[in-house]
Amino acid sequence: MKLLRTVAMNTDHIFYGLPVEVSRVDLFISNDVEWTPEMIETSKRCQDEHLRSMAKRMPHSYWYK
């Protein structure tokens, strides 16, 4: 297994928007499979969606980006 990418973001905030928790998601790829660029991009998109799903109380301004 090879580490392809690690992404992290603040996933929990206090009422005033100050971060109190940071989460990260690692993306590993297997050496046994021939990875195409499309497969890698799809995996990266799923990784980003997984990280965003970990958000708990995000500041109001976060959702308007």
N, C-alpha and C. Protein backbone atom coordinates (compact mmCIF):
# COMPACT_ATOMS: atom_id res chain seq x y z
N MET A 1 0.85 -1.18 0.00
CA MET A 1 0.00 0.00 0.00
C MET A 1 0.89 1.24 0.00
N LYS A 2 0.51 2.18 -0.82
CA LYS A 2 1.26 3.41 -0.92
C LYS A 2 0.35 4.58 -0.57
N LEU A 3 0.85 5.49 0.25
CA LEU A 3 0.09 6.68 0.60
C LEU A 3 0.08 7.62 -0.59
N LEU A 4 -1.12 7.95 -1.06
CA LEU A 4 -1.24 8.83 -2.22
C LEU A 4 -1.44 10.28 -1.78
N ARG A 5 -2.31 10.48 -0.79
CA ARG A 5 -2.63 11.85 -0.40
C ARG A 5 -3.26 11.85 0.99
N THR A 6 -3.01 12.90 1.74
CA THR A 6 -3.64 13.12 3.03
C THR A 6 -4.28 14.50 3.01
N VAL A 7 -5.56 14.56 3.40
CA VAL A 7 -6.26 15.85 3.48
C VAL A 7 -6.80 15.99 4.90
N ALA A 8 -6.82 17.22 5.38
CA ALA A 8 -7.32 17.49 6.72
C ALA A 8 -8.04 18.83 6.72
N MET A 9 -8.95 18.99 7.66
CA MET A 9 -9.65 20.26 7.84
C MET A 9 -10.23 20.31 9.25
N ASN A 10 -10.58 21.51 9.67
CA ASN A 10 -11.25 21.68 10.95
C ASN A 10 -12.67 21.13 10.81
N THR A 11 -13.05 20.20 11.68
CA THR A 11 -14.37 19.58 11.55
C THR A 11 -15.31 19.91 12.70
N ASP A 12 -14.83 20.65 13.68
CA ASP A 12 -15.72 21.06 14.77
C ASP A 12 -15.28 22.44 15.24
N HIS A 13 -16.25 23.30 15.51
CA HIS A 13 -15.98 24.67 15.92
C HIS A 13 -16.85 25.04 17.11
N ILE A 14 -16.39 26.03 17.84
CA ILE A 14 -17.25 26.59 18.88
C ILE A 14 -18.24 27.53 18.19
N PHE A 15 -19.15 28.09 18.94
CA PHE A 15 -20.19 28.95 18.39
C PHE A 15 -19.62 30.12 17.60
N TYR A 16 -18.48 30.64 18.00
CA TYR A 16 -17.90 31.82 17.35
C TYR A 16 -16.99 31.48 16.17
N GLY A 17 -16.91 30.21 15.80
CA GLY A 17 -16.15 29.81 14.62
C GLY A 17 -14.72 29.43 14.88
N LEU A 18 -14.29 29.37 16.13
CA LEU A 18 -12.92 28.96 16.42
C LEU A 18 -12.82 27.44 16.40
N PRO A 19 -11.81 26.88 15.73
CA PRO A 19 -11.71 25.42 15.61
C PRO A 19 -11.35 24.75 16.93
N VAL A 20 -11.96 23.59 17.18
CA VAL A 20 -11.64 22.79 18.36
C VAL A 20 -11.27 21.36 17.99
N GLU A 21 -11.47 20.96 16.74
CA GLU A 21 -11.13 19.60 16.33
C GLU A 21 -10.71 19.60 14.86
N VAL A 22 -9.67 18.85 14.57
CA VAL A 22 -9.19 18.69 13.19
C VAL A 22 -9.27 17.21 12.85
N SER A 23 -9.80 16.91 11.66
CA SER A 23 -9.87 15.51 11.21
C SER A 23 -9.08 15.38 9.91
N ARG A 24 -8.60 14.18 9.67
CA ARG A 24 -7.87 13.94 8.43
C ARG A 24 -8.28 12.61 7.84
N VAL A 25 -8.11 12.50 6.53
CA VAL A 25 -8.41 11.27 5.82
C VAL A 25 -7.21 10.96 4.93
N ASP A 26 -6.68 9.75 5.07
CA ASP A 26 -5.56 9.30 4.25
C ASP A 26 -6.08 8.48 3.08
N LEU A 27 -5.44 8.64 1.94
CA LEU A 27 -5.81 7.86 0.76
C LEU A 27 -4.64 6.96 0.40
N PHE A 28 -4.85 5.67 0.52
CA PHE A 28 -3.84 4.68 0.17
C PHE A 28 -4.26 3.97 -1.11
N ILE A 29 -3.29 3.61 -1.93
CA ILE A 29 -3.59 2.83 -3.13
C ILE A 29 -2.78 1.54 -3.08
N SER A 30 -3.36 0.51 -3.64
CA SER A 30 -2.72 -0.80 -3.64
C SER A 30 -1.74 -0.90 -4.81
N ASN A 31 -0.65 -1.56 -4.57
CA ASN A 31 0.35 -1.76 -5.63
C ASN A 31 -0.06 -2.90 -6.56
N ASP A 32 -1.07 -3.69 -6.17
CA ASP A 32 -1.49 -4.84 -6.96
C ASP A 32 -2.36 -4.46 -8.15
N VAL A 33 -2.94 -3.27 -8.12
CA VAL A 33 -3.88 -2.85 -9.15
C VAL A 33 -3.25 -1.76 -10.00
N GLU A 34 -3.50 -1.80 -11.30
CA GLU A 34 -3.04 -0.75 -12.21
C GLU A 34 -4.03 0.41 -12.13
N TRP A 35 -3.61 1.52 -11.55
CA TRP A 35 -4.49 2.67 -11.33
C TRP A 35 -4.47 3.59 -12.54
N THR A 36 -5.65 3.89 -13.06
CA THR A 36 -5.77 4.86 -14.16
C THR A 36 -5.96 6.25 -13.55
N PRO A 37 -5.68 7.30 -14.29
CA PRO A 37 -5.90 8.65 -13.78
C PRO A 37 -7.35 8.91 -13.36
N GLU A 38 -8.31 8.31 -14.07
CA GLU A 38 -9.73 8.47 -13.73
C GLU A 38 -10.04 7.83 -12.37
N MET A 39 -9.46 6.66 -12.12
CA MET A 39 -9.68 5.98 -10.85
C MET A 39 -9.09 6.80 -9.70
N ILE A 40 -7.94 7.40 -9.91
CA ILE A 40 -7.30 8.20 -8.87
C ILE A 40 -8.13 9.45 -8.60
N GLU A 41 -8.62 10.12 -9.63
CA GLU A 41 -9.45 11.32 -9.44
C GLU A 41 -10.75 10.99 -8.72
N THR A 42 -11.35 9.85 -9.05
CA THR A 42 -12.57 9.43 -8.36
C THR A 42 -12.29 9.14 -6.89
N SER A 43 -11.16 8.50 -6.61
CA SER A 43 -10.78 8.21 -5.23
C SER A 43 -10.53 9.50 -4.44
N LYS A 44 -9.90 10.48 -5.07
CA LYS A 44 -9.67 11.77 -4.41
C LYS A 44 -10.98 12.48 -4.12
N ARG A 45 -11.92 12.43 -5.05
CA ARG A 45 -13.23 13.06 -4.85
C ARG A 45 -13.98 12.39 -3.69
N CYS A 46 -13.93 11.07 -3.64
CA CYS A 46 -14.57 10.34 -2.53
C CYS A 46 -13.89 10.66 -1.20
N GLN A 47 -12.58 10.83 -1.22
CA GLN A 47 -11.85 11.20 -0.02
C GLN A 47 -12.31 12.57 0.48
N ASP A 48 -12.46 13.55 -0.42
CA ASP A 48 -12.93 14.87 -0.04
C ASP A 48 -14.34 14.83 0.52
N GLU A 49 -15.21 14.04 -0.11
CA GLU A 49 -16.59 13.92 0.37
C GLU A 49 -16.63 13.28 1.76
N HIS A 50 -15.78 12.29 1.98
CA HIS A 50 -15.73 11.64 3.30
C HIS A 50 -15.27 12.63 4.37
N LEU A 51 -14.27 13.44 4.05
CA LEU A 51 -13.79 14.42 5.01
C LEU A 51 -14.87 15.45 5.32
N ARG A 52 -15.59 15.92 4.32
CA ARG A 52 -16.66 16.89 4.55
C ARG A 52 -17.81 16.29 5.34
N SER A 53 -18.04 14.98 5.20
CA SER A 53 -19.12 14.35 5.96
C SER A 53 -18.78 14.23 7.44
N MET A 54 -17.52 14.41 7.80
CA MET A 54 -17.10 14.33 9.20
C MET A 54 -17.37 15.63 9.96
N ALA A 55 -17.78 16.68 9.25
CA ALA A 55 -18.02 17.98 9.89
C ALA A 55 -19.17 17.89 10.88
N LYS A 56 -19.02 18.57 12.00
CA LYS A 56 -20.03 18.55 13.06
C LYS A 56 -20.76 19.88 13.10
N ARG A 57 -20.19 20.86 13.76
CA ARG A 57 -20.81 22.18 13.84
C ARG A 57 -19.93 23.16 13.08
N MET A 58 -20.26 23.43 11.86
CA MET A 58 -19.45 24.33 11.06
C MET A 58 -20.02 25.74 11.14
N PRO A 59 -19.17 26.76 11.08
CA PRO A 59 -19.66 28.13 11.10
C PRO A 59 -20.60 28.40 9.93
N HIS A 60 -21.50 29.32 10.13
CA HIS A 60 -22.50 29.64 9.11
C HIS A 60 -21.83 30.03 7.79
N SER A 61 -20.73 30.75 7.84
CA SER A 61 -20.07 31.23 6.61
C SER A 61 -19.45 30.06 5.82
N TYR A 62 -19.17 28.93 6.47
CA TYR A 62 -18.55 27.79 5.77
C TYR A 62 -19.44 27.28 4.63
N TRP A 63 -20.74 27.23 4.86
CA TRP A 63 -21.65 26.64 3.88
C TRP A 63 -21.93 27.54 2.70
N TYR A 64 -21.47 28.79 2.73
CA TYR A 64 -21.68 29.71 1.62
C TYR A 64 -20.48 29.83 0.72
N LYS A 65 -19.47 28.98 0.90
CA LYS A 65 -18.27 29.02 0.05
C LYS A 65 -18.53 28.29 -1.24
